N, C-alpha and C. Protein backbone atom coordinates (compact mmCIF):
# COMPACT_ATOMS: atom_id res chain seq x y z
N UNK A 1 0.84 -1.16 0.00
CA UNK A 1 0.00 0.00 0.00
C UNK A 1 0.90 1.24 0.00
N UNK A 2 0.44 2.31 -0.65
CA UNK A 2 1.20 3.55 -0.75
C UNK A 2 0.44 4.66 -0.04
N UNK A 3 1.16 5.70 0.31
CA UNK A 3 0.60 6.83 1.02
C UNK A 3 1.18 8.10 0.41
N UNK A 4 0.32 9.04 0.02
CA UNK A 4 0.79 10.28 -0.58
C UNK A 4 0.88 11.37 0.48
N UNK A 5 2.06 11.92 0.64
CA UNK A 5 2.25 13.04 1.58
C UNK A 5 3.18 14.03 0.92
N UNK A 6 2.76 15.26 0.95
CA UNK A 6 3.60 16.35 0.45
C UNK A 6 4.09 16.08 -0.97
N UNK A 7 3.24 15.44 -1.78
CA UNK A 7 3.60 15.20 -3.17
C UNK A 7 4.53 14.03 -3.39
N UNK A 8 4.83 13.27 -2.34
CA UNK A 8 5.73 12.14 -2.46
C UNK A 8 5.00 10.89 -1.99
N UNK A 9 5.14 9.82 -2.74
CA UNK A 9 4.50 8.57 -2.36
C UNK A 9 5.44 7.80 -1.44
N UNK A 10 4.93 7.51 -0.23
CA UNK A 10 5.70 6.74 0.74
C UNK A 10 5.04 5.39 0.93
N UNK A 11 5.83 4.34 0.97
CA UNK A 11 5.29 3.01 1.22
C UNK A 11 4.83 2.93 2.66
N UNK A 12 3.72 2.27 2.86
CA UNK A 12 3.25 2.04 4.22
C UNK A 12 3.84 0.71 4.67
N UNK A 13 4.54 0.71 5.81
CA UNK A 13 5.13 -0.55 6.24
C UNK A 13 4.06 -1.59 6.54
N UNK A 14 4.31 -2.81 6.14
CA UNK A 14 3.39 -3.91 6.42
C UNK A 14 3.38 -4.17 7.91
N UNK A 15 2.28 -4.68 8.40
CA UNK A 15 2.18 -5.01 9.83
C UNK A 15 3.34 -5.92 10.21
N UNK A 16 4.04 -5.55 11.24
CA UNK A 16 5.14 -6.36 11.73
C UNK A 16 6.42 -6.26 10.92
N UNK A 17 6.44 -5.40 9.89
CA UNK A 17 7.66 -5.26 9.10
C UNK A 17 8.77 -4.73 9.99
N UNK A 18 9.89 -5.41 9.98
CA UNK A 18 11.02 -5.02 10.80
C UNK A 18 11.86 -3.97 10.08
N UNK A 19 12.26 -2.96 10.81
CA UNK A 19 13.18 -1.96 10.28
C UNK A 19 14.60 -2.45 10.48
N UNK A 20 15.50 -2.05 9.60
CA UNK A 20 16.91 -2.31 9.84
C UNK A 20 17.34 -1.41 11.00
N UNK A 21 18.49 -1.64 11.56
CA UNK A 21 19.00 -0.79 12.65
C UNK A 21 19.16 0.66 12.14
N UNK A 22 19.63 0.81 10.92
CA UNK A 22 19.79 2.13 10.31
C UNK A 22 18.43 2.86 10.24
N UNK A 23 17.40 2.16 9.78
CA UNK A 23 16.07 2.76 9.68
C UNK A 23 15.50 3.07 11.06
N UNK A 24 15.78 2.24 12.05
CA UNK A 24 15.34 2.53 13.42
C UNK A 24 15.96 3.84 13.92
N UNK A 25 17.25 4.01 13.68
CA UNK A 25 17.93 5.22 14.13
C UNK A 25 17.35 6.44 13.42
N UNK A 26 17.07 6.33 12.14
CA UNK A 26 16.44 7.44 11.41
C UNK A 26 15.08 7.76 12.03
N UNK A 27 14.25 6.73 12.22
CA UNK A 27 12.91 6.94 12.77
C UNK A 27 12.97 7.51 14.18
N UNK A 28 13.89 7.02 15.01
CA UNK A 28 14.01 7.54 16.37
C UNK A 28 14.49 8.99 16.36
N UNK A 29 15.38 9.33 15.44
CA UNK A 29 15.83 10.72 15.31
C UNK A 29 14.66 11.62 14.92
N UNK A 30 13.88 11.19 13.95
CA UNK A 30 12.71 11.96 13.52
C UNK A 30 11.74 12.15 14.69
N UNK A 31 11.48 11.09 15.44
CA UNK A 31 10.58 11.18 16.59
C UNK A 31 11.15 12.08 17.68
N UNK A 32 12.43 11.90 17.98
CA UNK A 32 13.06 12.69 19.03
C UNK A 32 13.12 14.17 18.71
N UNK A 33 13.24 14.49 17.43
CA UNK A 33 13.39 15.88 17.02
C UNK A 33 12.07 16.55 16.64
N UNK A 34 11.09 15.78 16.11
CA UNK A 34 9.93 16.45 15.51
C UNK A 34 8.60 15.74 15.71
N UNK A 35 8.48 14.86 16.67
CA UNK A 35 7.21 14.13 16.81
C UNK A 35 6.03 15.05 17.09
N UNK A 36 6.25 16.22 17.67
CA UNK A 36 5.19 17.17 17.95
C UNK A 36 4.94 18.15 16.82
N UNK A 37 5.64 17.99 15.71
CA UNK A 37 5.56 18.93 14.58
C UNK A 37 4.66 18.44 13.45
N UNK A 38 4.00 17.32 13.64
CA UNK A 38 3.14 16.78 12.60
C UNK A 38 3.95 16.15 11.48
N UNK A 39 3.24 15.67 10.47
CA UNK A 39 3.90 14.97 9.37
C UNK A 39 4.86 15.87 8.61
N UNK A 40 4.49 17.13 8.40
CA UNK A 40 5.38 18.04 7.66
C UNK A 40 6.70 18.22 8.40
N UNK A 41 6.65 18.39 9.70
CA UNK A 41 7.86 18.57 10.49
C UNK A 41 8.73 17.33 10.51
N UNK A 42 8.10 16.16 10.62
CA UNK A 42 8.87 14.91 10.62
C UNK A 42 9.47 14.65 9.24
N UNK A 43 8.70 14.92 8.21
CA UNK A 43 9.21 14.77 6.84
C UNK A 43 10.42 15.69 6.63
N UNK A 44 10.32 16.92 7.15
CA UNK A 44 11.41 17.89 7.00
C UNK A 44 12.70 17.39 7.65
N UNK A 45 12.60 16.79 8.82
CA UNK A 45 13.80 16.24 9.48
C UNK A 45 14.37 15.10 8.65
N UNK A 46 13.51 14.26 8.09
CA UNK A 46 14.00 13.20 7.20
C UNK A 46 14.74 13.78 6.00
N UNK A 47 14.18 14.84 5.42
CA UNK A 47 14.83 15.51 4.29
C UNK A 47 16.20 16.05 4.69
N UNK A 48 16.28 16.63 5.87
CA UNK A 48 17.54 17.19 6.32
C UNK A 48 18.60 16.08 6.47
N UNK A 49 18.19 14.93 6.98
CA UNK A 49 19.12 13.81 7.09
C UNK A 49 19.62 13.39 5.70
N UNK A 50 18.70 13.34 4.75
CA UNK A 50 19.07 12.98 3.38
C UNK A 50 20.03 14.01 2.79
N UNK A 51 19.77 15.30 3.05
CA UNK A 51 20.64 16.36 2.54
C UNK A 51 22.05 16.22 3.12
N UNK A 52 22.14 15.94 4.41
CA UNK A 52 23.46 15.77 5.02
C UNK A 52 24.19 14.56 4.45
N UNK A 53 23.46 13.51 4.15
CA UNK A 53 24.09 12.34 3.51
C UNK A 53 24.62 12.72 2.14
N UNK A 54 23.83 13.48 1.38
CA UNK A 54 24.31 13.94 0.07
C UNK A 54 25.51 14.86 0.21
N UNK A 55 25.49 15.73 1.20
CA UNK A 55 26.62 16.64 1.43
C UNK A 55 27.91 15.87 1.73
N UNK A 56 27.76 14.68 2.31
CA UNK A 56 28.95 13.87 2.61
C UNK A 56 29.36 13.02 1.41
N UNK A 57 28.73 13.24 0.27
CA UNK A 57 28.96 12.44 -0.94
C UNK A 57 28.70 10.96 -0.69
N UNK A 58 27.78 10.70 0.22
CA UNK A 58 27.42 9.32 0.53
C UNK A 58 28.41 8.60 1.42
N UNK A 59 29.43 9.30 1.89
CA UNK A 59 30.46 8.65 2.70
C UNK A 59 29.97 8.31 4.11
N UNK A 60 29.01 9.09 4.61
CA UNK A 60 28.47 8.84 5.94
C UNK A 60 27.16 8.08 5.84
N UNK A 61 26.96 7.17 6.76
CA UNK A 61 25.68 6.46 6.83
C UNK A 61 24.68 7.35 7.57
N UNK A 62 23.42 7.02 7.46
CA UNK A 62 22.43 7.78 8.23
C UNK A 62 22.69 7.66 9.72
N UNK A 63 23.11 6.48 10.16
CA UNK A 63 23.43 6.30 11.58
C UNK A 63 24.53 7.25 12.01
N UNK A 64 25.58 7.35 11.21
CA UNK A 64 26.68 8.25 11.55
C UNK A 64 26.20 9.70 11.60
N UNK A 65 25.34 10.08 10.69
CA UNK A 65 24.81 11.44 10.66
C UNK A 65 23.95 11.70 11.90
N UNK A 66 23.05 10.78 12.21
CA UNK A 66 22.15 10.96 13.35
C UNK A 66 22.89 10.96 14.68
N UNK A 67 23.86 10.07 14.81
CA UNK A 67 24.52 9.87 16.11
C UNK A 67 25.76 10.74 16.31
N UNK A 68 26.11 11.53 15.31
CA UNK A 68 27.28 12.40 15.46
C UNK A 68 27.05 13.32 16.66
N UNK A 69 28.07 13.44 17.47
CA UNK A 69 27.97 14.19 18.72
C UNK A 69 27.46 15.62 18.50
N UNK A 70 26.47 15.99 19.27
CA UNK A 70 25.89 17.33 19.34
C UNK A 70 25.19 17.80 18.06
N UNK A 71 24.81 16.86 17.19
CA UNK A 71 24.12 17.25 15.96
C UNK A 71 22.60 17.24 16.12
N UNK A 72 22.08 16.26 16.82
CA UNK A 72 20.64 16.13 17.04
C UNK A 72 20.43 15.97 18.54
N UNK A 73 19.76 16.92 19.12
CA UNK A 73 19.68 16.99 20.59
C UNK A 73 19.08 15.75 21.23
N UNK A 74 18.22 15.03 20.52
CA UNK A 74 17.61 13.84 21.13
C UNK A 74 18.64 12.76 21.43
N UNK A 75 19.81 12.83 20.81
CA UNK A 75 20.88 11.86 21.07
C UNK A 75 21.92 12.39 22.05
N UNK A 76 21.80 13.63 22.49
CA UNK A 76 22.76 14.17 23.46
C UNK A 76 22.64 13.41 24.77
N UNK A 77 23.76 13.16 25.44
CA UNK A 77 23.73 12.37 26.68
C UNK A 77 22.81 12.97 27.76
N UNK A 78 22.68 14.28 27.79
CA UNK A 78 21.87 14.92 28.84
C UNK A 78 20.42 15.16 28.43
N UNK A 79 20.02 14.74 27.24
CA UNK A 79 18.66 14.99 26.77
C UNK A 79 17.71 13.92 27.31
N UNK A 80 16.62 14.33 27.96
CA UNK A 80 15.68 13.34 28.53
C UNK A 80 14.99 12.49 27.45
N UNK A 81 14.92 12.98 26.23
CA UNK A 81 14.31 12.20 25.14
C UNK A 81 15.11 10.94 24.82
N UNK A 82 16.43 11.02 25.00
CA UNK A 82 17.30 9.92 24.57
C UNK A 82 16.88 8.57 25.14
N UNK A 83 16.58 8.53 26.42
CA UNK A 83 16.21 7.26 27.04
C UNK A 83 14.82 6.79 26.62
N UNK A 84 14.05 7.66 25.99
CA UNK A 84 12.68 7.32 25.59
C UNK A 84 12.54 6.96 24.11
N UNK A 85 13.61 7.06 23.33
CA UNK A 85 13.50 6.90 21.88
C UNK A 85 12.97 5.53 21.46
N UNK A 86 13.48 4.46 22.05
CA UNK A 86 13.01 3.12 21.71
C UNK A 86 11.52 2.97 22.04
N UNK A 87 11.14 3.48 23.20
CA UNK A 87 9.75 3.42 23.64
C UNK A 87 8.86 4.22 22.68
N UNK A 88 9.32 5.40 22.28
CA UNK A 88 8.55 6.21 21.32
C UNK A 88 8.37 5.47 20.00
N UNK A 89 9.40 4.79 19.55
CA UNK A 89 9.34 4.06 18.29
C UNK A 89 8.31 2.94 18.37
N UNK A 90 8.17 2.34 19.54
CA UNK A 90 7.24 1.23 19.71
C UNK A 90 5.81 1.69 19.98
N UNK A 91 5.67 2.83 20.67
CA UNK A 91 4.34 3.16 21.19
C UNK A 91 3.75 4.51 20.81
N UNK A 92 4.51 5.42 20.26
CA UNK A 92 3.94 6.76 20.03
C UNK A 92 3.03 6.78 18.81
N UNK A 93 2.10 7.70 18.82
CA UNK A 93 1.18 7.82 17.68
C UNK A 93 1.91 8.30 16.42
N UNK A 94 3.02 8.99 16.58
CA UNK A 94 3.78 9.50 15.44
C UNK A 94 4.73 8.46 14.84
N UNK A 95 4.93 7.35 15.54
CA UNK A 95 5.91 6.35 15.12
C UNK A 95 5.61 5.77 13.74
N UNK A 96 4.36 5.54 13.44
CA UNK A 96 4.01 4.94 12.14
C UNK A 96 4.51 5.81 10.99
N UNK A 97 4.31 7.11 11.12
CA UNK A 97 4.76 8.01 10.06
C UNK A 97 6.29 8.11 10.03
N UNK A 98 6.92 8.19 11.18
CA UNK A 98 8.39 8.26 11.24
C UNK A 98 9.00 7.02 10.58
N UNK A 99 8.39 5.87 10.79
CA UNK A 99 8.87 4.64 10.16
C UNK A 99 8.71 4.71 8.65
N UNK A 100 7.58 5.26 8.18
CA UNK A 100 7.36 5.42 6.74
C UNK A 100 8.47 6.27 6.12
N UNK A 101 8.79 7.37 6.78
CA UNK A 101 9.84 8.24 6.26
C UNK A 101 11.16 7.48 6.23
N UNK A 102 11.49 6.77 7.31
CA UNK A 102 12.74 6.02 7.39
C UNK A 102 12.84 4.96 6.29
N UNK A 103 11.72 4.35 5.95
CA UNK A 103 11.70 3.32 4.90
C UNK A 103 11.81 3.90 3.50
N UNK A 104 11.58 5.20 3.37
CA UNK A 104 11.50 5.83 2.04
C UNK A 104 12.46 6.99 1.87
N UNK A 105 13.61 6.93 2.51
CA UNK A 105 14.56 8.04 2.45
C UNK A 105 14.94 8.41 1.02
N UNK A 106 15.02 7.43 0.14
CA UNK A 106 15.41 7.70 -1.24
C UNK A 106 14.34 8.49 -2.00
N UNK A 107 13.10 8.52 -1.51
CA UNK A 107 12.01 9.21 -2.19
C UNK A 107 11.77 10.63 -1.67
N UNK A 108 12.42 11.03 -0.62
CA UNK A 108 12.17 12.34 -0.04
C UNK A 108 12.62 13.44 -0.98
N UNK A 109 11.84 14.51 -1.05
CA UNK A 109 12.12 15.64 -1.94
C UNK A 109 12.83 16.74 -1.15
N UNK A 110 14.11 16.93 -1.42
CA UNK A 110 14.89 17.92 -0.68
C UNK A 110 14.42 19.34 -0.91
N UNK A 111 13.71 19.57 -1.99
CA UNK A 111 13.17 20.91 -2.25
C UNK A 111 12.16 21.32 -1.18
N UNK A 112 11.60 20.34 -0.48
CA UNK A 112 10.64 20.65 0.59
C UNK A 112 11.28 21.54 1.66
N UNK A 113 12.57 21.36 1.88
CA UNK A 113 13.29 22.19 2.86
C UNK A 113 14.32 23.08 2.18
N UNK A 114 14.14 23.31 0.89
CA UNK A 114 15.04 24.17 0.11
C UNK A 114 16.51 23.74 0.27
N UNK A 115 16.72 22.41 0.30
CA UNK A 115 18.06 21.83 0.44
C UNK A 115 18.80 22.27 1.70
N UNK A 116 18.05 22.57 2.74
CA UNK A 116 18.67 22.97 4.02
C UNK A 116 19.50 21.83 4.59
N UNK A 117 20.54 22.19 5.34
CA UNK A 117 21.37 21.18 5.99
C UNK A 117 21.50 21.40 7.50
N UNK A 118 20.83 22.43 8.01
CA UNK A 118 20.81 22.71 9.44
C UNK A 118 19.41 23.19 9.82
N UNK A 119 19.05 23.00 11.08
CA UNK A 119 17.80 23.57 11.57
C UNK A 119 17.90 23.75 13.07
N UNK A 120 17.00 24.56 13.57
CA UNK A 120 16.92 24.79 15.01
C UNK A 120 15.50 25.24 15.34
N UNK A 121 15.19 25.29 16.61
CA UNK A 121 13.89 25.79 17.05
C UNK A 121 13.77 27.26 16.68
N UNK A 122 12.55 27.71 16.41
CA UNK A 122 12.36 29.09 15.97
C UNK A 122 12.85 30.11 16.99
N UNK A 123 12.83 29.78 18.25
CA UNK A 123 13.29 30.73 19.28
C UNK A 123 14.76 30.57 19.65
N UNK A 124 15.45 29.63 19.01
CA UNK A 124 16.88 29.39 19.30
C UNK A 124 17.76 30.34 18.49
N UNK A 125 18.91 30.65 19.02
CA UNK A 125 19.89 31.50 18.34
C UNK A 125 21.28 30.87 18.44
N UNK A 126 21.47 29.69 17.82
CA UNK A 126 22.80 29.06 17.89
C UNK A 126 23.85 29.90 17.17
N UNK A 127 25.09 29.72 17.56
CA UNK A 127 26.18 30.51 17.00
C UNK A 127 26.26 30.39 15.48
N UNK A 128 25.88 29.24 14.93
CA UNK A 128 26.09 29.00 13.50
C UNK A 128 25.09 29.74 12.60
N UNK A 129 24.08 30.42 13.16
CA UNK A 129 23.16 31.18 12.30
C UNK A 129 23.70 32.60 12.03
N UNK A 130 24.91 32.87 12.50
CA UNK A 130 25.52 34.18 12.28
C UNK A 130 26.74 34.06 11.37
N UNK A 131 26.95 35.08 10.55
CA UNK A 131 28.19 35.15 9.77
C UNK A 131 28.81 36.51 10.04
N UNK A 132 30.11 36.57 9.88
CA UNK A 132 30.82 37.83 10.06
C UNK A 132 30.86 38.57 8.73
N UNK A 133 30.55 39.84 8.78
CA UNK A 133 30.51 40.68 7.59
C UNK A 133 31.39 41.91 7.85
N UNK A 134 32.18 42.24 6.85
CA UNK A 134 33.04 43.42 6.95
C UNK A 134 32.26 44.63 6.44
N UNK A 135 32.14 45.66 7.27
CA UNK A 135 31.42 46.86 6.86
C UNK A 135 32.33 47.76 6.02
N UNK A 136 31.73 48.78 5.40
CA UNK A 136 32.51 49.73 4.59
C UNK A 136 33.56 50.44 5.43
N UNK A 137 33.28 50.60 6.69
CA UNK A 137 34.23 51.26 7.59
C UNK A 137 35.33 50.34 8.09
N UNK A 138 35.35 49.10 7.61
CA UNK A 138 36.41 48.18 8.01
C UNK A 138 36.12 47.45 9.31
N UNK A 139 34.93 47.60 9.83
CA UNK A 139 34.55 46.95 11.08
C UNK A 139 33.87 45.62 10.76
N UNK A 140 34.11 44.60 11.58
CA UNK A 140 33.46 43.30 11.41
C UNK A 140 32.26 43.22 12.34
N UNK A 141 31.13 42.86 11.76
CA UNK A 141 29.91 42.70 12.56
C UNK A 141 29.31 41.32 12.29
N UNK A 142 28.55 40.83 13.28
CA UNK A 142 27.85 39.56 13.10
C UNK A 142 26.46 39.85 12.56
N UNK A 143 26.09 39.11 11.51
CA UNK A 143 24.79 39.27 10.88
C UNK A 143 24.09 37.91 10.90
N UNK A 144 22.81 37.91 11.26
CA UNK A 144 22.06 36.66 11.28
C UNK A 144 21.72 36.23 9.86
N UNK A 145 21.98 34.97 9.56
CA UNK A 145 21.64 34.39 8.27
C UNK A 145 20.14 34.09 8.27
N UNK A 146 19.42 34.49 7.23
CA UNK A 146 17.98 34.18 7.21
C UNK A 146 17.74 32.69 6.92
N UNK A 147 16.73 32.10 7.53
CA UNK A 147 16.41 30.71 7.22
C UNK A 147 15.86 30.60 5.79
N UNK A 148 16.06 29.44 5.18
CA UNK A 148 15.52 29.21 3.84
C UNK A 148 14.08 28.70 3.91
N UNK A 149 13.68 28.23 5.11
CA UNK A 149 12.33 27.71 5.29
C UNK A 149 12.01 27.67 6.77
N UNK A 150 10.75 27.89 7.10
CA UNK A 150 10.26 27.71 8.47
C UNK A 150 9.11 26.72 8.37
N UNK A 151 9.21 25.65 9.14
CA UNK A 151 8.16 24.63 9.17
C UNK A 151 7.82 24.38 10.62
N UNK A 152 6.61 24.74 10.99
CA UNK A 152 6.21 24.57 12.39
C UNK A 152 7.10 25.39 13.30
N UNK A 153 7.68 24.73 14.26
CA UNK A 153 8.55 25.39 15.24
C UNK A 153 10.03 25.26 14.91
N UNK A 154 10.35 24.96 13.64
CA UNK A 154 11.75 24.83 13.24
C UNK A 154 12.09 25.77 12.09
N UNK A 155 13.29 26.37 12.18
CA UNK A 155 13.85 27.18 11.10
C UNK A 155 14.93 26.35 10.42
N UNK A 156 14.93 26.35 9.09
CA UNK A 156 15.87 25.57 8.30
C UNK A 156 16.84 26.49 7.57
N UNK A 157 18.11 26.09 7.55
CA UNK A 157 19.19 26.90 6.98
C UNK A 157 20.01 26.08 6.00
N UNK A 158 20.48 26.73 4.96
CA UNK A 158 21.43 26.12 4.03
C UNK A 158 22.78 26.77 4.29
N UNK A 159 23.67 26.04 4.95
CA UNK A 159 24.98 26.58 5.32
C UNK A 159 26.09 26.06 4.41
N UNK A 160 25.87 24.98 3.70
CA UNK A 160 26.90 24.40 2.82
C UNK A 160 26.40 24.37 1.41
């Protein structure tokens, strides 16, 4: 069975279909980062993972991208979500959709997030959203980079 979301057809996992470990990590990352953002927000996180894989020229696996230190807060050692990820994958209402995205990474449309490779909460101001600009007077100032897309409570940026 197929499911149409955001113009992309995603396969619906069969009852009891087992995910690979790689797909589990993708789905848990999507749940940990965007389970409260609806399907569009979860799809966007999947797209971002795919964009980062493309940026690595395919050298990094999705697991390496998701688990890289300090890249996705749900995997940070001090994040309370981390200990709940397996449980969320088994029991949350959003898990079915997160699994669909994980099973269909090759079908995700990166244009949905304007090929963004970073994101943060709309109220966050991480250091990487700023660039240094030299003024006409020779002074260096920090300027905030505008996001390429805002989806729900997340701002998406293209930094590479």
